[in-house]
Amino acid sequence: GLHQRIELYQNELAEAPQQAEQRLLEIDQIIDHSIEDVRTISVALRPPILDDLGLPAAIESLCKASAKSVPGLNCSFSLSGKQQRLSSDMELAIYRIVQEALSNIRKHVPKATQVKVELAFAKTEVKATIRNDGSTFANQDVQGYVRSGHLGLAGMYERARLFGGTLKIKATESEGTTITLRLPYET
């Protein structure tokens, strides 16, 4: 797009300076949008908050964003145990799993009013729990969800497995859905 507009600009420069000036403004806008897109992609790949403030602050930020995006949804965050800095890859995996769980609640559990996200550091493992009081899964067959195109759940399980951890989903009509992630780590 930029190359075409530059060629048009060059062709119009001598013959139609006002049109050429308009093309230059279009080029400038395209460059601004491109820079913003690159920034957005960069932040999406590795959210700066993970490196700057750590995993708990990043997850708390996800909770606040979820609560803001869904009217009537209360999303609380709690932290227990002695906070550890984990490998950057492990922190990103935990962040992405919590992010996907919260995204699924926003998309698929419209009646949820309470979401609780807990991050617990134990001596040799970190545990993230995401609970909601909304409707539950019709079935908990993850492969069935994957076959029907719900790849987010598959990604959550795969991330847990890559770090030697487990991901469990428990759903009951009376208690809603609880997702529990456990990842071992060395101190």
N, C-alpha and C. Protein backbone atom coordinates (compact mmCIF):
# COMPACT_ATOMS: atom_id res chain seq x y z
N GLY A 1 0.81 -1.19 0.00
CA GLY A 1 0.00 0.00 0.00
C GLY A 1 0.86 1.26 0.00
N LEU A 2 1.92 1.23 0.81
CA LEU A 2 2.80 2.41 0.85
C LEU A 2 3.49 2.63 -0.49
N HIS A 3 3.98 1.54 -1.07
CA HIS A 3 4.68 1.67 -2.36
C HIS A 3 3.75 2.27 -3.43
N GLN A 4 2.51 1.81 -3.48
CA GLN A 4 1.57 2.33 -4.47
C GLN A 4 1.30 3.82 -4.23
N ARG A 5 1.12 4.18 -2.98
CA ARG A 5 0.84 5.59 -2.69
C ARG A 5 2.05 6.48 -2.97
N ILE A 6 3.25 5.96 -2.73
CA ILE A 6 4.46 6.73 -3.04
C ILE A 6 4.57 6.94 -4.55
N GLU A 7 4.27 5.89 -5.32
CA GLU A 7 4.29 6.04 -6.78
C GLU A 7 3.27 7.07 -7.24
N LEU A 8 2.07 7.02 -6.67
CA LEU A 8 1.05 8.02 -7.01
C LEU A 8 1.52 9.42 -6.63
N TYR A 9 2.13 9.52 -5.46
CA TYR A 9 2.66 10.81 -4.99
C TYR A 9 3.69 11.35 -5.98
N GLN A 10 4.61 10.49 -6.40
CA GLN A 10 5.64 10.92 -7.34
C GLN A 10 5.03 11.37 -8.68
N ASN A 11 4.02 10.62 -9.14
CA ASN A 11 3.37 10.98 -10.40
C ASN A 11 2.59 12.29 -10.29
N GLU A 12 1.99 12.55 -9.16
CA GLU A 12 1.14 13.72 -8.98
C GLU A 12 1.91 14.96 -8.53
N LEU A 13 3.13 14.78 -8.06
CA LEU A 13 3.89 15.87 -7.47
C LEU A 13 3.99 17.08 -8.40
N ALA A 14 4.35 16.86 -9.64
CA ALA A 14 4.53 17.98 -10.57
C ALA A 14 3.20 18.46 -11.16
N GLU A 15 2.30 17.53 -11.44
CA GLU A 15 1.08 17.89 -12.16
C GLU A 15 -0.08 18.30 -11.25
N ALA A 16 -0.16 17.71 -10.08
CA ALA A 16 -1.29 17.99 -9.17
C ALA A 16 -0.77 18.06 -7.74
N PRO A 17 -0.14 19.17 -7.37
CA PRO A 17 0.48 19.25 -6.04
C PRO A 17 -0.49 19.07 -4.87
N GLN A 18 -1.74 19.50 -5.03
CA GLN A 18 -2.70 19.33 -3.93
C GLN A 18 -3.03 17.85 -3.72
N GLN A 19 -3.20 17.12 -4.82
CA GLN A 19 -3.44 15.68 -4.70
C GLN A 19 -2.22 14.98 -4.13
N ALA A 20 -1.04 15.43 -4.54
CA ALA A 20 0.20 14.84 -4.03
C ALA A 20 0.30 15.06 -2.52
N GLU A 21 -0.08 16.25 -2.08
CA GLU A 21 -0.06 16.54 -0.65
C GLU A 21 -1.03 15.61 0.11
N GLN A 22 -2.20 15.36 -0.47
CA GLN A 22 -3.17 14.43 0.14
C GLN A 22 -2.58 13.03 0.22
N ARG A 23 -1.90 12.60 -0.82
CA ARG A 23 -1.25 11.27 -0.81
C ARG A 23 -0.21 11.19 0.30
N LEU A 24 0.52 12.27 0.48
CA LEU A 24 1.54 12.30 1.54
C LEU A 24 0.90 12.14 2.91
N LEU A 25 -0.24 12.78 3.12
CA LEU A 25 -0.97 12.63 4.38
C LEU A 25 -1.45 11.18 4.56
N GLU A 26 -1.93 10.55 3.49
CA GLU A 26 -2.35 9.15 3.55
C GLU A 26 -1.19 8.25 3.93
N ILE A 27 -0.03 8.51 3.32
CA ILE A 27 1.17 7.72 3.63
C ILE A 27 1.53 7.86 5.11
N ASP A 28 1.47 9.08 5.60
CA ASP A 28 1.77 9.33 7.01
C ASP A 28 0.81 8.56 7.92
N GLN A 29 -0.48 8.56 7.58
CA GLN A 29 -1.46 7.82 8.38
C GLN A 29 -1.21 6.31 8.34
N ILE A 30 -0.86 5.80 7.18
CA ILE A 30 -0.57 4.37 7.06
C ILE A 30 0.63 4.01 7.93
N ILE A 31 1.65 4.85 7.92
CA ILE A 31 2.83 4.59 8.75
C ILE A 31 2.46 4.62 10.23
N ASP A 32 1.66 5.60 10.64
CA ASP A 32 1.23 5.67 12.04
C ASP A 32 0.46 4.42 12.45
N HIS A 33 -0.47 3.98 11.59
CA HIS A 33 -1.24 2.76 11.89
C HIS A 33 -0.33 1.53 11.95
N SER A 34 0.63 1.47 11.05
CA SER A 34 1.56 0.33 11.04
C SER A 34 2.38 0.28 12.32
N ILE A 35 2.86 1.43 12.76
CA ILE A 35 3.64 1.48 14.01
C ILE A 35 2.78 1.04 15.18
N GLU A 36 1.55 1.50 15.23
CA GLU A 36 0.64 1.12 16.32
C GLU A 36 0.35 -0.39 16.29
N ASP A 37 0.17 -0.94 15.08
CA ASP A 37 -0.07 -2.38 14.95
C ASP A 37 1.13 -3.19 15.45
N VAL A 38 2.34 -2.75 15.11
CA VAL A 38 3.55 -3.45 15.57
C VAL A 38 3.65 -3.38 17.09
N ARG A 39 3.35 -2.24 17.67
CA ARG A 39 3.36 -2.12 19.14
C ARG A 39 2.34 -3.06 19.77
N THR A 40 1.15 -3.11 19.20
CA THR A 40 0.09 -3.98 19.74
C THR A 40 0.53 -5.44 19.67
N ILE A 41 1.10 -5.84 18.55
CA ILE A 41 1.56 -7.22 18.38
C ILE A 41 2.68 -7.52 19.37
N SER A 42 3.61 -6.59 19.54
CA SER A 42 4.72 -6.79 20.48
C SER A 42 4.22 -7.00 21.90
N VAL A 43 3.28 -6.16 22.32
CA VAL A 43 2.73 -6.28 23.67
C VAL A 43 1.97 -7.60 23.81
N ALA A 44 1.27 -8.00 22.76
CA ALA A 44 0.51 -9.25 22.82
C ALA A 44 1.43 -10.46 22.93
N LEU A 45 2.59 -10.40 22.30
CA LEU A 45 3.52 -11.54 22.36
C LEU A 45 4.11 -11.71 23.75
N ARG A 46 4.49 -10.64 24.36
CA ARG A 46 5.07 -10.68 25.71
C ARG A 46 4.65 -9.41 26.44
N PRO A 47 3.57 -9.49 27.21
CA PRO A 47 3.10 -8.29 27.90
C PRO A 47 4.19 -7.71 28.80
N PRO A 48 4.52 -6.43 28.64
CA PRO A 48 5.59 -5.81 29.43
C PRO A 48 5.35 -5.90 30.93
N ILE A 49 4.10 -5.95 31.35
CA ILE A 49 3.79 -6.00 32.78
C ILE A 49 4.41 -7.23 33.45
N LEU A 50 4.56 -8.32 32.69
CA LEU A 50 5.19 -9.52 33.26
C LEU A 50 6.62 -9.23 33.69
N ASP A 51 7.38 -8.59 32.83
CA ASP A 51 8.77 -8.28 33.16
C ASP A 51 8.88 -7.12 34.14
N ASP A 52 8.02 -6.13 33.98
CA ASP A 52 8.12 -4.93 34.80
C ASP A 52 7.64 -5.14 36.23
N LEU A 53 6.48 -5.80 36.38
CA LEU A 53 5.86 -5.91 37.72
C LEU A 53 5.69 -7.35 38.21
N GLY A 54 5.87 -8.33 37.33
CA GLY A 54 5.78 -9.72 37.75
C GLY A 54 4.43 -10.36 37.47
N LEU A 55 4.38 -11.67 37.65
CA LEU A 55 3.20 -12.46 37.35
C LEU A 55 1.96 -12.07 38.15
N PRO A 56 2.06 -11.88 39.47
CA PRO A 56 0.85 -11.51 40.21
C PRO A 56 0.21 -10.21 39.71
N ALA A 57 1.01 -9.20 39.45
CA ALA A 57 0.47 -7.93 38.97
C ALA A 57 -0.14 -8.10 37.58
N ALA A 58 0.47 -8.94 36.75
CA ALA A 58 -0.06 -9.17 35.41
C ALA A 58 -1.41 -9.86 35.47
N ILE A 59 -1.54 -10.84 36.35
CA ILE A 59 -2.81 -11.56 36.48
C ILE A 59 -3.87 -10.65 37.10
N GLU A 60 -3.48 -9.87 38.07
CA GLU A 60 -4.44 -8.92 38.66
C GLU A 60 -4.94 -7.95 37.59
N SER A 61 -4.05 -7.53 36.71
CA SER A 61 -4.43 -6.65 35.61
C SER A 61 -5.44 -7.33 34.68
N LEU A 62 -5.25 -8.62 34.42
CA LEU A 62 -6.22 -9.38 33.61
C LEU A 62 -7.60 -9.38 34.28
N CYS A 63 -7.61 -9.56 35.59
CA CYS A 63 -8.88 -9.57 36.33
C CYS A 63 -9.58 -8.23 36.22
N LYS A 64 -8.85 -7.17 36.40
CA LYS A 64 -9.44 -5.83 36.31
C LYS A 64 -10.00 -5.57 34.91
N ALA A 65 -9.25 -6.00 33.89
CA ALA A 65 -9.72 -5.81 32.52
C ALA A 65 -10.98 -6.62 32.26
N SER A 66 -11.06 -7.83 32.80
CA SER A 66 -12.26 -8.65 32.63
C SER A 66 -13.46 -8.00 33.29
N ALA A 67 -13.28 -7.50 34.49
CA ALA A 67 -14.38 -6.86 35.21
C ALA A 67 -14.86 -5.62 34.46
N LYS A 68 -13.94 -4.87 33.87
CA LYS A 68 -14.31 -3.67 33.12
C LYS A 68 -15.07 -4.02 31.85
N SER A 69 -14.71 -5.13 31.23
CA SER A 69 -15.28 -5.44 29.91
C SER A 69 -16.66 -6.09 29.98
N VAL A 70 -17.05 -6.59 31.16
CA VAL A 70 -18.35 -7.25 31.29
C VAL A 70 -19.14 -6.58 32.40
N PRO A 71 -20.21 -5.86 32.06
CA PRO A 71 -21.02 -5.22 33.10
C PRO A 71 -21.57 -6.26 34.08
N GLY A 72 -21.46 -5.96 35.37
CA GLY A 72 -21.99 -6.85 36.40
C GLY A 72 -21.07 -7.98 36.79
N LEU A 73 -19.89 -8.05 36.20
CA LEU A 73 -18.93 -9.12 36.55
C LEU A 73 -17.94 -8.59 37.57
N ASN A 74 -17.82 -9.30 38.68
CA ASN A 74 -16.83 -8.98 39.70
C ASN A 74 -15.72 -10.02 39.57
N CYS A 75 -14.50 -9.56 39.34
CA CYS A 75 -13.36 -10.47 39.21
C CYS A 75 -12.34 -10.09 40.27
N SER A 76 -12.13 -11.00 41.21
CA SER A 76 -11.19 -10.72 42.29
C SER A 76 -9.93 -11.57 42.13
N PHE A 77 -8.84 -11.06 42.66
CA PHE A 77 -7.55 -11.75 42.58
C PHE A 77 -6.97 -11.87 43.99
N SER A 78 -6.40 -13.04 44.26
CA SER A 78 -5.70 -13.21 45.54
C SER A 78 -4.39 -13.94 45.31
N LEU A 79 -3.44 -13.64 46.16
CA LEU A 79 -2.10 -14.20 46.08
C LEU A 79 -1.77 -14.80 47.44
N SER A 80 -1.22 -16.01 47.43
CA SER A 80 -0.79 -16.62 48.69
C SER A 80 0.58 -17.28 48.49
N GLY A 81 1.25 -17.49 49.61
CA GLY A 81 2.58 -18.09 49.57
C GLY A 81 3.63 -17.05 49.28
N LYS A 82 4.88 -17.49 49.31
CA LYS A 82 6.01 -16.60 49.06
C LYS A 82 6.22 -16.49 47.56
N GLN A 83 5.98 -15.31 47.04
CA GLN A 83 6.09 -15.09 45.60
C GLN A 83 7.49 -15.42 45.11
N GLN A 84 7.55 -16.15 44.00
CA GLN A 84 8.81 -16.51 43.36
C GLN A 84 8.82 -15.96 41.95
N ARG A 85 9.96 -15.52 41.48
CA ARG A 85 10.09 -15.23 40.05
C ARG A 85 10.38 -16.56 39.37
N LEU A 86 9.58 -16.88 38.39
CA LEU A 86 9.73 -18.12 37.65
C LEU A 86 10.43 -17.81 36.34
N SER A 87 10.73 -18.83 35.57
CA SER A 87 11.33 -18.57 34.26
C SER A 87 10.33 -17.73 33.45
N SER A 88 10.84 -16.92 32.55
CA SER A 88 9.96 -16.05 31.78
C SER A 88 8.98 -16.88 30.95
N ASP A 89 9.40 -18.03 30.45
CA ASP A 89 8.50 -18.89 29.68
C ASP A 89 7.38 -19.45 30.54
N MET A 90 7.70 -19.83 31.77
CA MET A 90 6.68 -20.37 32.66
C MET A 90 5.69 -19.28 33.07
N GLU A 91 6.20 -18.10 33.38
CA GLU A 91 5.30 -16.99 33.72
C GLU A 91 4.37 -16.67 32.57
N LEU A 92 4.91 -16.68 31.36
CA LEU A 92 4.07 -16.40 30.20
C LEU A 92 3.01 -17.49 30.01
N ALA A 93 3.38 -18.75 30.23
CA ALA A 93 2.41 -19.85 30.11
C ALA A 93 1.28 -19.69 31.12
N ILE A 94 1.61 -19.37 32.36
CA ILE A 94 0.58 -19.18 33.39
C ILE A 94 -0.31 -18.00 33.02
N TYR A 95 0.30 -16.92 32.60
CA TYR A 95 -0.44 -15.73 32.19
C TYR A 95 -1.42 -16.07 31.07
N ARG A 96 -0.94 -16.79 30.05
CA ARG A 96 -1.79 -17.14 28.91
C ARG A 96 -2.93 -18.08 29.30
N ILE A 97 -2.68 -19.00 30.20
CA ILE A 97 -3.73 -19.91 30.65
C ILE A 97 -4.82 -19.13 31.39
N VAL A 98 -4.41 -18.26 32.30
CA VAL A 98 -5.39 -17.44 33.03
C VAL A 98 -6.12 -16.52 32.04
N GLN A 99 -5.39 -15.94 31.11
CA GLN A 99 -6.00 -15.07 30.11
C GLN A 99 -7.06 -15.81 29.30
N GLU A 100 -6.76 -17.02 28.87
CA GLU A 100 -7.71 -17.82 28.09
C GLU A 100 -8.92 -18.20 28.93
N ALA A 101 -8.69 -18.57 30.19
CA ALA A 101 -9.81 -18.92 31.07
C ALA A 101 -10.74 -17.73 31.24
N LEU A 102 -10.19 -16.55 31.46
CA LEU A 102 -11.02 -15.35 31.63
C LEU A 102 -11.73 -14.98 30.32
N SER A 103 -11.04 -15.16 29.23
CA SER A 103 -11.66 -14.91 27.93
C SER A 103 -12.84 -15.85 27.69
N ASN A 104 -12.66 -17.12 28.05
CA ASN A 104 -13.75 -18.09 27.90
C ASN A 104 -14.96 -17.73 28.75
N ILE A 105 -14.70 -17.23 29.95
CA ILE A 105 -15.80 -16.81 30.82
C ILE A 105 -16.55 -15.65 30.17
N ARG A 106 -15.81 -14.66 29.67
CA ARG A 106 -16.46 -13.51 29.02
C ARG A 106 -17.29 -13.95 27.81
N LYS A 107 -16.77 -14.89 27.03
CA LYS A 107 -17.44 -15.30 25.79
C LYS A 107 -18.58 -16.29 26.02
N HIS A 108 -18.35 -17.25 26.93
CA HIS A 108 -19.24 -18.41 27.00
C HIS A 108 -20.05 -18.54 28.28
N VAL A 109 -19.84 -17.65 29.24
CA VAL A 109 -20.56 -17.76 30.51
C VAL A 109 -21.21 -16.41 30.82
N PRO A 110 -22.23 -16.06 30.07
CA PRO A 110 -22.81 -14.73 30.21
C PRO A 110 -23.48 -14.48 31.56
N LYS A 111 -23.86 -15.54 32.27
CA LYS A 111 -24.54 -15.35 33.55
C LYS A 111 -23.58 -15.30 34.73
N ALA A 112 -22.28 -15.41 34.47
CA ALA A 112 -21.32 -15.34 35.58
C ALA A 112 -21.32 -13.94 36.17
N THR A 113 -21.35 -13.88 37.51
CA THR A 113 -21.26 -12.58 38.19
C THR A 113 -20.01 -12.49 39.06
N GLN A 114 -19.50 -13.66 39.46
CA GLN A 114 -18.32 -13.70 40.32
C GLN A 114 -17.24 -14.57 39.69
N VAL A 115 -16.05 -14.02 39.58
CA VAL A 115 -14.88 -14.77 39.14
C VAL A 115 -13.80 -14.55 40.18
N LYS A 116 -13.20 -15.63 40.61
CA LYS A 116 -12.10 -15.54 41.58
C LYS A 116 -10.87 -16.19 40.96
N VAL A 117 -9.80 -15.44 40.93
CA VAL A 117 -8.53 -15.95 40.43
C VAL A 117 -7.56 -15.96 41.59
N GLU A 118 -7.00 -17.12 41.85
CA GLU A 118 -6.05 -17.27 42.95
C GLU A 118 -4.72 -17.76 42.40
N LEU A 119 -3.65 -17.17 42.87
CA LEU A 119 -2.30 -17.59 42.52
C LEU A 119 -1.61 -17.96 43.82
N ALA A 120 -1.19 -19.21 43.92
CA ALA A 120 -0.58 -19.70 45.17
C ALA A 120 0.80 -20.28 44.88
N PHE A 121 1.78 -19.77 45.61
CA PHE A 121 3.15 -20.28 45.50
C PHE A 121 3.40 -21.21 46.68
N ALA A 122 3.71 -22.45 46.40
CA ALA A 122 4.12 -23.41 47.42
C ALA A 122 5.62 -23.63 47.24
N LYS A 123 6.17 -24.52 48.04
CA LYS A 123 7.62 -24.71 48.01
C LYS A 123 8.12 -25.20 46.65
N THR A 124 7.36 -26.09 46.01
CA THR A 124 7.84 -26.68 44.76
C THR A 124 6.86 -26.56 43.60
N GLU A 125 5.76 -25.84 43.80
CA GLU A 125 4.81 -25.67 42.71
C GLU A 125 4.08 -24.34 42.82
N VAL A 126 3.58 -23.92 41.68
CA VAL A 126 2.70 -22.76 41.64
C VAL A 126 1.34 -23.26 41.17
N LYS A 127 0.31 -22.72 41.78
CA LYS A 127 -1.06 -23.15 41.45
C LYS A 127 -1.88 -21.92 41.12
N ALA A 128 -2.56 -21.99 40.00
CA ALA A 128 -3.50 -20.93 39.61
C ALA A 128 -4.88 -21.55 39.54
N THR A 129 -5.83 -20.90 40.18
CA THR A 129 -7.21 -21.38 40.20
C THR A 129 -8.11 -20.27 39.71
N ILE A 130 -8.98 -20.62 38.77
CA ILE A 130 -9.94 -19.66 38.23
C ILE A 130 -11.33 -20.26 38.44
N ARG A 131 -12.15 -19.57 39.25
CA ARG A 131 -13.50 -20.05 39.55
C ARG A 131 -14.52 -19.04 39.04
N ASN A 132 -15.64 -19.58 38.52
CA ASN A 132 -16.74 -18.69 38.19
C ASN A 132 -18.05 -19.33 38.62
N ASP A 133 -19.04 -18.49 38.86
CA ASP A 133 -20.32 -18.97 39.37
C ASP A 133 -21.36 -19.14 38.26
N GLY A 134 -20.93 -19.10 37.02
CA GLY A 134 -21.87 -19.20 35.91
C GLY A 134 -22.15 -20.62 35.50
N SER A 135 -22.69 -20.76 34.31
CA SER A 135 -23.05 -22.08 33.81
C SER A 135 -21.80 -22.94 33.61
N THR A 136 -22.04 -24.23 33.52
CA THR A 136 -20.93 -25.17 33.41
C THR A 136 -20.85 -25.72 32.00
N PHE A 137 -19.76 -26.43 31.75
CA PHE A 137 -19.60 -27.11 30.47
C PHE A 137 -20.68 -28.16 30.30
N ALA A 138 -21.17 -28.31 29.09
CA ALA A 138 -22.13 -29.37 28.81
C ALA A 138 -21.46 -30.72 29.02
N ASN A 139 -20.23 -30.83 28.60
CA ASN A 139 -19.42 -32.02 28.91
C ASN A 139 -17.99 -31.54 29.05
N GLN A 140 -17.18 -32.34 29.69
CA GLN A 140 -15.81 -31.93 29.94
C GLN A 140 -14.82 -32.70 29.08
N ASP A 141 -15.28 -33.21 27.96
CA ASP A 141 -14.44 -33.94 27.02
C ASP A 141 -13.64 -32.93 26.21
N VAL A 142 -12.38 -32.71 26.60
CA VAL A 142 -11.55 -31.70 25.95
C VAL A 142 -11.36 -32.03 24.48
N GLN A 143 -11.12 -33.30 24.15
CA GLN A 143 -10.93 -33.67 22.75
C GLN A 143 -12.17 -33.33 21.92
N GLY A 144 -13.34 -33.49 22.52
CA GLY A 144 -14.56 -33.13 21.83
C GLY A 144 -14.60 -31.64 21.53
N TYR A 145 -14.17 -30.82 22.48
CA TYR A 145 -14.12 -29.38 22.25
C TYR A 145 -13.11 -29.05 21.15
N VAL A 146 -11.96 -29.72 21.18
CA VAL A 146 -10.94 -29.47 20.16
C VAL A 146 -11.48 -29.83 18.78
N ARG A 147 -12.13 -31.00 18.67
CA ARG A 147 -12.68 -31.41 17.37
C ARG A 147 -13.73 -30.42 16.86
N SER A 148 -14.42 -29.77 17.78
CA SER A 148 -15.44 -28.81 17.34
C SER A 148 -14.89 -27.39 17.20
N GLY A 149 -13.58 -27.24 17.26
CA GLY A 149 -12.96 -25.95 16.97
C GLY A 149 -12.63 -25.09 18.17
N HIS A 150 -12.80 -25.58 19.39
CA HIS A 150 -12.46 -24.80 20.59
C HIS A 150 -11.00 -25.07 20.96
N LEU A 151 -10.11 -24.38 20.30
CA LEU A 151 -8.68 -24.65 20.47
C LEU A 151 -8.09 -24.00 21.71
N GLY A 152 -8.79 -23.04 22.30
CA GLY A 152 -8.29 -22.39 23.50
C GLY A 152 -8.07 -23.36 24.64
N LEU A 153 -9.02 -24.25 24.85
CA LEU A 153 -8.86 -25.26 25.91
C LEU A 153 -7.67 -26.17 25.62
N ALA A 154 -7.53 -26.58 24.37
CA ALA A 154 -6.40 -27.44 24.00
C ALA A 154 -5.09 -26.73 24.28
N GLY A 155 -5.03 -25.44 23.96
CA GLY A 155 -3.82 -24.67 24.23
C GLY A 155 -3.51 -24.58 25.71
N MET A 156 -4.55 -24.46 26.53
CA MET A 156 -4.35 -24.41 27.98
C MET A 156 -3.74 -25.73 28.48
N TYR A 157 -4.31 -26.84 28.04
CA TYR A 157 -3.78 -28.15 28.44
C TYR A 157 -2.35 -28.34 27.95
N GLU A 158 -2.10 -27.93 26.71
CA GLU A 158 -0.77 -28.10 26.13
C GLU A 158 0.27 -27.27 26.88
N ARG A 159 -0.06 -26.05 27.24
CA ARG A 159 0.89 -25.22 27.99
C ARG A 159 1.22 -25.85 29.34
N ALA A 160 0.20 -26.36 30.01
CA ALA A 160 0.44 -27.01 31.31
C ALA A 160 1.35 -28.23 31.13
N ARG A 161 1.07 -29.03 30.13
CA ARG A 161 1.85 -30.24 29.88
C ARG A 161 3.31 -29.92 29.55
N LEU A 162 3.54 -28.86 28.79
CA LEU A 162 4.91 -28.49 28.41
C LEU A 162 5.80 -28.21 29.61
N PHE A 163 5.21 -27.80 30.72
CA PHE A 163 5.99 -27.50 31.92
C PHE A 163 5.85 -28.60 32.98
N GLY A 164 5.39 -29.77 32.56
CA GLY A 164 5.26 -30.89 33.49
C GLY A 164 4.13 -30.71 34.48
N GLY A 165 3.17 -29.91 34.15
CA GLY A 165 2.09 -29.62 35.07
C GLY A 165 0.78 -30.27 34.67
N THR A 166 -0.26 -29.90 35.40
CA THR A 166 -1.59 -30.43 35.13
C THR A 166 -2.59 -29.29 35.06
N LEU A 167 -3.64 -29.53 34.31
CA LEU A 167 -4.75 -28.59 34.23
C LEU A 167 -6.01 -29.42 34.40
N LYS A 168 -6.83 -29.05 35.37
CA LYS A 168 -8.06 -29.77 35.63
C LYS A 168 -9.23 -28.81 35.57
N ILE A 169 -10.32 -29.29 35.01
CA ILE A 169 -11.55 -28.52 34.95
C ILE A 169 -12.62 -29.30 35.68
N LYS A 170 -13.22 -28.65 36.65
CA LYS A 170 -14.31 -29.26 37.42
C LYS A 170 -15.52 -28.35 37.29
N ALA A 171 -16.63 -28.94 36.87
CA ALA A 171 -17.84 -28.14 36.68
C ALA A 171 -19.02 -28.83 37.36
N THR A 172 -19.72 -28.06 38.18
CA THR A 172 -20.95 -28.56 38.80
C THR A 172 -22.00 -27.48 38.72
N GLU A 173 -23.25 -27.89 38.66
CA GLU A 173 -24.34 -26.91 38.58
C GLU A 173 -24.37 -25.99 39.79
N SER A 174 -24.06 -26.52 40.97
CA SER A 174 -24.17 -25.72 42.19
C SER A 174 -22.98 -24.79 42.41
N GLU A 175 -21.80 -25.16 41.90
CA GLU A 175 -20.60 -24.37 42.18
C GLU A 175 -20.00 -23.68 40.96
N GLY A 176 -20.54 -23.90 39.78
CA GLY A 176 -19.96 -23.30 38.58
C GLY A 176 -18.76 -24.09 38.11
N THR A 177 -17.81 -23.41 37.52
CA THR A 177 -16.64 -24.07 36.93
C THR A 177 -15.37 -23.61 37.63
N THR A 178 -14.50 -24.58 37.89
CA THR A 178 -13.19 -24.30 38.49
C THR A 178 -12.12 -24.89 37.59
N ILE A 179 -11.17 -24.06 37.22
CA ILE A 179 -10.01 -24.52 36.45
C ILE A 179 -8.82 -24.41 37.38
N THR A 180 -8.08 -25.51 37.50
CA THR A 180 -6.93 -25.54 38.40
C THR A 180 -5.69 -25.92 37.60
N LEU A 181 -4.71 -25.06 37.64
CA LEU A 181 -3.42 -25.27 36.98
C LEU A 181 -2.38 -25.49 38.07
N ARG A 182 -1.60 -26.53 37.92
CA ARG A 182 -0.47 -26.78 38.84
C ARG A 182 0.79 -26.99 38.00
N LEU A 183 1.81 -26.20 38.31
CA LEU A 183 3.09 -26.34 37.62
C LEU A 183 4.21 -26.47 38.64
N PRO A 184 5.02 -27.52 38.52
CA PRO A 184 6.16 -27.65 39.43
C PRO A 184 7.28 -26.68 39.04
N TYR A 185 8.04 -26.28 40.04
CA TYR A 185 9.23 -25.48 39.74
C TYR A 185 10.29 -25.77 40.79
N GLU A 186 11.52 -25.47 40.45
CA GLU A 186 12.64 -25.68 41.36
C GLU A 186 13.02 -24.35 41.99
N THR A 187 13.32 -24.38 43.30
CA THR A 187 13.70 -23.14 43.98
C THR A 187 15.19 -22.94 43.96
